[in-house]
Amino acid sequence: MEDAVMARVTAAVQRGQAGERASARQELESMWDGVEGDDFHRCVIAHFLADLQDDQREELRWDERALAAADGVSDERAQEYDGSLRVRGFMPSLYLSLADDHRRLGDADRAREFLEKAQATADALGDDAYGGLVSGILDKVSRALAEGSTEPLT
């Protein structure tokens, strides 16, 4: 069964990646209230909305919402969308996003806390393209934090 909300999320994210950040952000924000009570959708929407923010503090706020929503997601709910999903597999990316937010905002201590959580859950990543992507970003954030950089990752 197709998940209409996830189809809309995917379409909005693709628009945002194609340069239509404002309209993608508006679409996802309009969906946010409509999925109240469904923490799986709220987690996904907030996670992608964070990446579409132009303000670093707003990005942090949406990443915090994504992590909070993840607490309410069960493996069974995630598997309604994709049978291979496990909530523990979300955590490295969610923690890593928060580590990078805090790093970019100049809060190295909080960045290290979330980086450690990302590293501690990295074993949940699969040996696939997504796992490789998150592992690569984990290395970049770790290096940037060690160098004291607050610049966006490239």
N, C-alpha and C. Protein backbone atom coordinates (compact mmCIF):
# COMPACT_ATOMS: atom_id res chain seq x y z
N MET A 1 0.85 -1.19 0.00
CA MET A 1 0.00 0.00 0.00
C MET A 1 0.89 1.25 0.00
N GLU A 2 0.60 2.17 -0.89
CA GLU A 2 1.40 3.40 -0.98
C GLU A 2 1.06 4.33 0.16
N ASP A 3 2.08 5.00 0.65
CA ASP A 3 1.94 5.97 1.72
C ASP A 3 1.90 7.35 1.06
N ALA A 4 0.72 7.94 1.00
CA ALA A 4 0.53 9.22 0.31
C ALA A 4 1.35 10.33 0.96
N VAL A 5 1.48 10.31 2.27
CA VAL A 5 2.26 11.34 2.96
C VAL A 5 3.73 11.23 2.55
N MET A 6 4.26 10.02 2.54
CA MET A 6 5.67 9.84 2.17
C MET A 6 5.89 10.21 0.70
N ALA A 7 4.91 9.96 -0.14
CA ALA A 7 5.03 10.36 -1.55
C ALA A 7 5.13 11.89 -1.65
N ARG A 8 4.32 12.60 -0.87
CA ARG A 8 4.38 14.06 -0.87
C ARG A 8 5.70 14.56 -0.29
N VAL A 9 6.18 13.91 0.77
CA VAL A 9 7.46 14.27 1.37
C VAL A 9 8.57 14.11 0.34
N THR A 10 8.59 12.97 -0.32
CA THR A 10 9.62 12.69 -1.33
C THR A 10 9.60 13.73 -2.44
N ALA A 11 8.42 14.07 -2.91
CA ALA A 11 8.30 15.06 -3.99
C ALA A 11 8.80 16.43 -3.51
N ALA A 12 8.46 16.80 -2.29
CA ALA A 12 8.90 18.10 -1.75
C ALA A 12 10.42 18.12 -1.59
N VAL A 13 10.98 17.04 -1.08
CA VAL A 13 12.44 16.97 -0.89
C VAL A 13 13.14 17.07 -2.24
N GLN A 14 12.61 16.41 -3.24
CA GLN A 14 13.21 16.48 -4.58
C GLN A 14 13.17 17.90 -5.13
N ARG A 15 12.05 18.61 -4.90
CA ARG A 15 11.97 20.01 -5.32
C ARG A 15 13.02 20.85 -4.60
N GLY A 16 13.17 20.60 -3.31
CA GLY A 16 14.16 21.34 -2.53
C GLY A 16 15.57 21.08 -3.03
N GLN A 17 15.87 19.85 -3.38
CA GLN A 17 17.20 19.52 -3.90
C GLN A 17 17.42 20.11 -5.29
N ALA A 18 16.33 20.38 -6.00
CA ALA A 18 16.43 20.97 -7.33
C ALA A 18 16.51 22.50 -7.27
N GLY A 19 16.55 23.04 -6.05
CA GLY A 19 16.71 24.48 -5.90
C GLY A 19 15.46 25.22 -5.46
N GLU A 20 14.34 24.54 -5.37
CA GLU A 20 13.09 25.17 -4.95
C GLU A 20 12.91 25.01 -3.44
N ARG A 21 13.89 25.50 -2.69
CA ARG A 21 13.91 25.31 -1.25
C ARG A 21 12.71 25.92 -0.54
N ALA A 22 12.33 27.13 -0.91
CA ALA A 22 11.23 27.81 -0.23
C ALA A 22 9.91 27.07 -0.42
N SER A 23 9.62 26.65 -1.64
CA SER A 23 8.35 25.95 -1.86
C SER A 23 8.36 24.57 -1.22
N ALA A 24 9.51 23.91 -1.22
CA ALA A 24 9.62 22.61 -0.56
C ALA A 24 9.41 22.77 0.94
N ARG A 25 10.02 23.79 1.49
CA ARG A 25 9.87 24.06 2.92
C ARG A 25 8.41 24.34 3.26
N GLN A 26 7.75 25.16 2.44
CA GLN A 26 6.32 25.47 2.67
C GLN A 26 5.47 24.21 2.63
N GLU A 27 5.72 23.36 1.66
CA GLU A 27 4.95 22.11 1.52
C GLU A 27 5.11 21.25 2.76
N LEU A 28 6.34 21.05 3.20
CA LEU A 28 6.58 20.20 4.37
C LEU A 28 6.01 20.83 5.64
N GLU A 29 6.14 22.14 5.77
CA GLU A 29 5.56 22.80 6.95
C GLU A 29 4.05 22.66 6.96
N SER A 30 3.43 22.72 5.79
CA SER A 30 1.96 22.57 5.73
C SER A 30 1.55 21.15 6.09
N MET A 31 2.42 20.19 5.87
CA MET A 31 2.12 18.80 6.20
C MET A 31 2.30 18.51 7.69
N TRP A 32 3.16 19.26 8.35
CA TRP A 32 3.54 19.00 9.73
C TRP A 32 2.34 18.85 10.66
N ASP A 33 1.44 19.83 10.67
CA ASP A 33 0.28 19.77 11.55
C ASP A 33 -0.70 18.68 11.15
N GLY A 34 -0.74 18.38 9.87
CA GLY A 34 -1.68 17.37 9.38
C GLY A 34 -1.33 15.95 9.76
N VAL A 35 -0.12 15.73 10.26
CA VAL A 35 0.27 14.38 10.64
C VAL A 35 0.44 14.25 12.16
N GLU A 36 -0.13 15.19 12.89
CA GLU A 36 -0.05 15.11 14.35
C GLU A 36 -0.58 13.76 14.80
N GLY A 37 0.13 13.15 15.73
CA GLY A 37 -0.27 11.83 16.21
C GLY A 37 0.42 10.69 15.47
N ASP A 38 1.11 10.99 14.38
CA ASP A 38 1.86 9.98 13.63
C ASP A 38 3.34 10.35 13.71
N ASP A 39 4.01 9.84 14.73
CA ASP A 39 5.39 10.23 14.97
C ASP A 39 6.34 9.79 13.85
N PHE A 40 6.02 8.74 13.13
CA PHE A 40 6.86 8.34 12.01
C PHE A 40 6.89 9.45 10.96
N HIS A 41 5.71 9.89 10.54
CA HIS A 41 5.66 10.96 9.54
C HIS A 41 6.27 12.25 10.08
N ARG A 42 6.00 12.56 11.35
CA ARG A 42 6.55 13.79 11.94
C ARG A 42 8.08 13.74 11.98
N CYS A 43 8.64 12.58 12.30
CA CYS A 43 10.09 12.43 12.34
C CYS A 43 10.69 12.68 10.96
N VAL A 44 10.11 12.06 9.95
CA VAL A 44 10.63 12.19 8.58
C VAL A 44 10.48 13.63 8.08
N ILE A 45 9.32 14.21 8.29
CA ILE A 45 9.08 15.58 7.83
C ILE A 45 10.06 16.54 8.51
N ALA A 46 10.20 16.44 9.82
CA ALA A 46 11.08 17.35 10.54
C ALA A 46 12.54 17.17 10.11
N HIS A 47 12.95 15.92 9.90
CA HIS A 47 14.33 15.64 9.50
C HIS A 47 14.64 16.31 8.16
N PHE A 48 13.72 16.20 7.21
CA PHE A 48 13.95 16.82 5.91
C PHE A 48 13.75 18.33 5.95
N LEU A 49 12.81 18.79 6.77
CA LEU A 49 12.61 20.24 6.91
C LEU A 49 13.85 20.92 7.46
N ALA A 50 14.54 20.27 8.36
CA ALA A 50 15.75 20.85 8.93
C ALA A 50 16.74 21.20 7.82
N ASP A 51 16.90 20.31 6.87
CA ASP A 51 17.87 20.53 5.79
C ASP A 51 17.47 21.65 4.85
N LEU A 52 16.23 22.08 4.90
CA LEU A 52 15.75 23.13 4.00
C LEU A 52 15.76 24.51 4.64
N GLN A 53 16.24 24.59 5.88
CA GLN A 53 16.24 25.87 6.59
C GLN A 53 17.43 26.73 6.15
N ASP A 54 17.20 28.03 6.10
CA ASP A 54 18.26 28.98 5.79
C ASP A 54 18.92 29.51 7.06
N ASP A 55 18.25 29.35 8.19
CA ASP A 55 18.74 29.82 9.47
C ASP A 55 19.20 28.61 10.30
N GLN A 56 20.41 28.67 10.82
CA GLN A 56 20.97 27.53 11.55
C GLN A 56 20.17 27.19 12.80
N ARG A 57 19.65 28.19 13.48
CA ARG A 57 18.85 27.92 14.69
C ARG A 57 17.53 27.22 14.33
N GLU A 58 16.95 27.59 13.20
CA GLU A 58 15.73 26.91 12.74
C GLU A 58 16.05 25.47 12.34
N GLU A 59 17.21 25.25 11.74
CA GLU A 59 17.61 23.89 11.40
C GLU A 59 17.73 23.05 12.67
N LEU A 60 18.36 23.62 13.70
CA LEU A 60 18.47 22.92 14.98
C LEU A 60 17.09 22.60 15.54
N ARG A 61 16.19 23.56 15.48
CA ARG A 61 14.83 23.36 16.03
C ARG A 61 14.13 22.20 15.34
N TRP A 62 14.25 22.10 14.02
CA TRP A 62 13.60 21.01 13.29
C TRP A 62 14.30 19.68 13.55
N ASP A 63 15.62 19.70 13.69
CA ASP A 63 16.33 18.46 14.02
C ASP A 63 15.94 17.97 15.42
N GLU A 64 15.74 18.89 16.35
CA GLU A 64 15.28 18.50 17.68
C GLU A 64 13.88 17.89 17.61
N ARG A 65 13.02 18.45 16.78
CA ARG A 65 11.68 17.89 16.60
C ARG A 65 11.75 16.49 16.01
N ALA A 66 12.65 16.29 15.06
CA ALA A 66 12.79 14.95 14.45
C ALA A 66 13.21 13.92 15.50
N LEU A 67 14.18 14.29 16.33
CA LEU A 67 14.63 13.36 17.38
C LEU A 67 13.51 13.09 18.38
N ALA A 68 12.79 14.12 18.77
CA ALA A 68 11.68 13.94 19.72
C ALA A 68 10.62 13.02 19.13
N ALA A 69 10.31 13.19 17.86
CA ALA A 69 9.30 12.34 17.23
C ALA A 69 9.77 10.90 17.13
N ALA A 70 11.06 10.69 16.92
CA ALA A 70 11.60 9.33 16.81
C ALA A 70 11.32 8.52 18.07
N ASP A 71 11.27 9.19 19.22
CA ASP A 71 10.98 8.50 20.47
C ASP A 71 9.63 7.80 20.45
N GLY A 72 8.71 8.32 19.64
CA GLY A 72 7.37 7.75 19.58
C GLY A 72 7.15 6.77 18.44
N VAL A 73 8.20 6.45 17.70
CA VAL A 73 8.07 5.56 16.55
C VAL A 73 8.49 4.15 16.95
N SER A 74 7.65 3.20 16.62
CA SER A 74 7.99 1.80 16.84
C SER A 74 8.52 1.20 15.53
N ASP A 75 9.27 0.12 15.67
CA ASP A 75 9.72 -0.58 14.47
C ASP A 75 8.52 -1.00 13.62
N GLU A 76 7.46 -1.44 14.27
CA GLU A 76 6.28 -1.88 13.54
C GLU A 76 5.69 -0.75 12.70
N ARG A 77 5.66 0.46 13.26
CA ARG A 77 5.12 1.60 12.50
C ARG A 77 6.03 1.93 11.33
N ALA A 78 7.32 1.96 11.54
CA ALA A 78 8.26 2.25 10.45
C ALA A 78 8.15 1.18 9.36
N GLN A 79 7.93 -0.05 9.75
CA GLN A 79 7.86 -1.16 8.79
C GLN A 79 6.56 -1.16 8.00
N GLU A 80 5.58 -0.40 8.44
CA GLU A 80 4.39 -0.23 7.61
C GLU A 80 4.75 0.49 6.32
N TYR A 81 5.77 1.35 6.38
CA TYR A 81 6.25 2.05 5.20
C TYR A 81 7.26 1.20 4.43
N ASP A 82 8.23 0.63 5.15
CA ASP A 82 9.28 -0.18 4.52
C ASP A 82 9.64 -1.29 5.51
N GLY A 83 9.44 -2.51 5.10
CA GLY A 83 9.65 -3.65 5.98
C GLY A 83 11.05 -3.79 6.52
N SER A 84 12.02 -3.13 5.92
CA SER A 84 13.40 -3.25 6.40
C SER A 84 13.77 -2.22 7.45
N LEU A 85 12.91 -1.25 7.71
CA LEU A 85 13.25 -0.16 8.63
C LEU A 85 13.22 -0.60 10.09
N ARG A 86 14.19 -0.08 10.83
CA ARG A 86 14.26 -0.23 12.28
C ARG A 86 14.55 1.17 12.83
N VAL A 87 13.88 1.54 13.88
CA VAL A 87 14.05 2.88 14.45
C VAL A 87 15.50 3.12 14.84
N ARG A 88 16.17 2.11 15.34
CA ARG A 88 17.59 2.27 15.72
C ARG A 88 18.42 2.72 14.52
N GLY A 89 18.02 2.36 13.33
CA GLY A 89 18.73 2.76 12.13
C GLY A 89 18.58 4.25 11.81
N PHE A 90 17.56 4.90 12.38
CA PHE A 90 17.37 6.35 12.19
C PHE A 90 18.35 7.15 13.04
N MET A 91 18.72 6.57 14.18
CA MET A 91 19.38 7.35 15.22
C MET A 91 20.74 7.94 14.82
N PRO A 92 21.60 7.20 14.12
CA PRO A 92 22.88 7.82 13.77
C PRO A 92 22.71 9.13 12.99
N SER A 93 21.79 9.13 12.03
CA SER A 93 21.57 10.32 11.23
C SER A 93 20.94 11.45 12.06
N LEU A 94 19.99 11.11 12.90
CA LEU A 94 19.34 12.12 13.74
C LEU A 94 20.35 12.75 14.70
N TYR A 95 21.15 11.92 15.37
CA TYR A 95 22.17 12.44 16.28
C TYR A 95 23.23 13.24 15.53
N LEU A 96 23.62 12.75 14.38
CA LEU A 96 24.64 13.42 13.59
C LEU A 96 24.17 14.81 13.14
N SER A 97 22.91 14.92 12.76
CA SER A 97 22.36 16.22 12.37
C SER A 97 22.46 17.20 13.53
N LEU A 98 22.12 16.74 14.72
CA LEU A 98 22.20 17.62 15.90
C LEU A 98 23.65 17.96 16.24
N ALA A 99 24.55 17.01 16.08
CA ALA A 99 25.97 17.30 16.32
C ALA A 99 26.44 18.39 15.38
N ASP A 100 26.07 18.28 14.11
CA ASP A 100 26.51 19.28 13.14
C ASP A 100 25.86 20.64 13.40
N ASP A 101 24.58 20.63 13.79
CA ASP A 101 23.92 21.90 14.13
C ASP A 101 24.67 22.62 15.25
N HIS A 102 24.94 21.90 16.32
CA HIS A 102 25.62 22.52 17.46
C HIS A 102 27.04 22.95 17.09
N ARG A 103 27.72 22.15 16.28
CA ARG A 103 29.07 22.52 15.82
C ARG A 103 29.02 23.83 15.05
N ARG A 104 28.08 23.94 14.12
CA ARG A 104 27.97 25.14 13.30
C ARG A 104 27.55 26.36 14.12
N LEU A 105 26.85 26.12 15.22
CA LEU A 105 26.44 27.22 16.11
C LEU A 105 27.52 27.55 17.14
N GLY A 106 28.64 26.82 17.10
CA GLY A 106 29.75 27.12 17.98
C GLY A 106 29.68 26.47 19.35
N ASP A 107 28.78 25.52 19.55
CA ASP A 107 28.65 24.83 20.83
C ASP A 107 29.33 23.46 20.72
N ALA A 108 30.65 23.46 20.86
CA ALA A 108 31.43 22.24 20.67
C ALA A 108 31.08 21.16 21.68
N ASP A 109 30.76 21.52 22.92
CA ASP A 109 30.44 20.52 23.93
C ASP A 109 29.18 19.74 23.55
N ARG A 110 28.12 20.47 23.18
CA ARG A 110 26.88 19.79 22.76
C ARG A 110 27.11 19.00 21.48
N ALA A 111 27.91 19.55 20.58
CA ALA A 111 28.22 18.84 19.33
C ALA A 111 28.89 17.51 19.64
N ARG A 112 29.85 17.52 20.58
CA ARG A 112 30.53 16.27 20.94
C ARG A 112 29.57 15.27 21.56
N GLU A 113 28.65 15.75 22.40
CA GLU A 113 27.66 14.85 23.01
C GLU A 113 26.88 14.10 21.93
N PHE A 114 26.38 14.84 20.93
CA PHE A 114 25.58 14.21 19.89
C PHE A 114 26.45 13.38 18.94
N LEU A 115 27.67 13.80 18.72
CA LEU A 115 28.58 13.02 17.88
C LEU A 115 28.85 11.66 18.53
N GLU A 116 29.06 11.67 19.85
CA GLU A 116 29.26 10.41 20.57
C GLU A 116 28.04 9.50 20.46
N LYS A 117 26.85 10.08 20.53
CA LYS A 117 25.63 9.27 20.39
C LYS A 117 25.53 8.71 18.97
N ALA A 118 25.89 9.52 17.99
CA ALA A 118 25.88 9.04 16.60
C ALA A 118 26.86 7.90 16.42
N GLN A 119 28.06 8.05 16.97
CA GLN A 119 29.07 7.00 16.87
C GLN A 119 28.62 5.73 17.59
N ALA A 120 27.97 5.89 18.74
CA ALA A 120 27.53 4.74 19.53
C ALA A 120 26.41 3.96 18.85
N THR A 121 25.69 4.60 17.94
CA THR A 121 24.59 3.91 17.25
C THR A 121 24.93 3.58 15.80
N ALA A 122 26.13 3.92 15.37
CA ALA A 122 26.52 3.72 13.97
C ALA A 122 26.50 2.26 13.55
N ASP A 123 26.57 1.34 14.52
CA ASP A 123 26.51 -0.07 14.18
C ASP A 123 25.14 -0.46 13.61
N ALA A 124 24.16 0.41 13.75
CA ALA A 124 22.83 0.14 13.20
C ALA A 124 22.75 0.44 11.71
N LEU A 125 23.79 1.10 11.18
CA LEU A 125 23.79 1.42 9.75
C LEU A 125 24.08 0.17 8.94
N GLY A 126 23.40 0.07 7.82
CA GLY A 126 23.63 -1.06 6.94
C GLY A 126 24.86 -0.86 6.08
N ASP A 127 25.29 -1.93 5.45
CA ASP A 127 26.41 -1.88 4.52
C ASP A 127 25.84 -1.58 3.13
N ASP A 128 25.30 -0.36 3.01
CA ASP A 128 24.66 0.05 1.77
C ASP A 128 24.98 1.52 1.52
N ALA A 129 24.39 2.09 0.49
CA ALA A 129 24.67 3.48 0.12
C ALA A 129 24.31 4.44 1.25
N TYR A 130 23.17 4.23 1.90
CA TYR A 130 22.75 5.11 2.99
C TYR A 130 23.74 5.01 4.15
N GLY A 131 24.11 3.80 4.53
CA GLY A 131 25.07 3.61 5.61
C GLY A 131 26.39 4.26 5.30
N GLY A 132 26.84 4.15 4.05
CA GLY A 132 28.09 4.78 3.63
C GLY A 132 28.00 6.29 3.67
N LEU A 133 26.86 6.83 3.26
CA LEU A 133 26.65 8.28 3.28
C LEU A 133 26.72 8.81 4.71
N VAL A 134 25.98 8.19 5.62
CA VAL A 134 25.95 8.65 7.01
C VAL A 134 27.33 8.49 7.64
N SER A 135 28.01 7.37 7.38
CA SER A 135 29.36 7.16 7.93
C SER A 135 30.32 8.23 7.42
N GLY A 136 30.21 8.57 6.15
CA GLY A 136 31.08 9.61 5.59
C GLY A 136 30.84 10.96 6.22
N ILE A 137 29.57 11.29 6.46
CA ILE A 137 29.24 12.57 7.10
C ILE A 137 29.71 12.55 8.55
N LEU A 138 29.59 11.41 9.20
CA LEU A 138 30.06 11.29 10.58
C LEU A 138 31.55 11.61 10.64
N ASP A 139 32.32 11.10 9.70
CA ASP A 139 33.76 11.39 9.65
C ASP A 139 34.00 12.88 9.42
N LYS A 140 33.24 13.49 8.50
CA LYS A 140 33.42 14.92 8.21
C LYS A 140 33.10 15.79 9.42
N VAL A 141 32.00 15.48 10.11
CA VAL A 141 31.62 16.26 11.30
C VAL A 141 32.68 16.09 12.38
N SER A 142 33.16 14.88 12.55
CA SER A 142 34.18 14.61 13.55
C SER A 142 35.45 15.42 13.27
N ARG A 143 35.89 15.44 12.01
CA ARG A 143 37.08 16.21 11.63
C ARG A 143 36.84 17.71 11.83
N ALA A 144 35.69 18.19 11.37
CA ALA A 144 35.39 19.62 11.50
C ALA A 144 35.36 20.04 12.96
N LEU A 145 34.79 19.20 13.80
CA LEU A 145 34.73 19.50 15.23
C LEU A 145 36.13 19.51 15.83
N ALA A 146 36.95 18.55 15.46
CA ALA A 146 38.34 18.49 15.96
C ALA A 146 39.13 19.72 15.51
N GLU A 147 38.83 20.25 14.34
CA GLU A 147 39.52 21.42 13.82
C GLU A 147 38.94 22.73 14.35
N GLY A 148 37.82 22.65 15.08
CA GLY A 148 37.19 23.85 15.60
C GLY A 148 36.42 24.62 14.55
N SER A 149 36.11 24.00 13.43
CA SER A 149 35.40 24.67 12.34
C SER A 149 33.90 24.79 12.65
N THR A 150 33.34 25.93 12.30
CA THR A 150 31.89 26.13 12.39
C THR A 150 31.31 26.32 10.98
N GLU A 151 32.12 26.09 9.98
CA GLU A 151 31.68 26.25 8.59
C GLU A 151 30.82 25.06 8.17
N PRO A 152 29.89 25.29 7.23
CA PRO A 152 29.10 24.16 6.70
C PRO A 152 30.02 23.13 6.05
N LEU A 153 29.58 21.88 6.10
CA LEU A 153 30.35 20.82 5.46
C LEU A 153 30.25 20.97 3.95
N THR A 154 31.30 20.55 3.29
CA THR A 154 31.27 20.58 1.81
C THR A 154 31.33 19.18 1.27
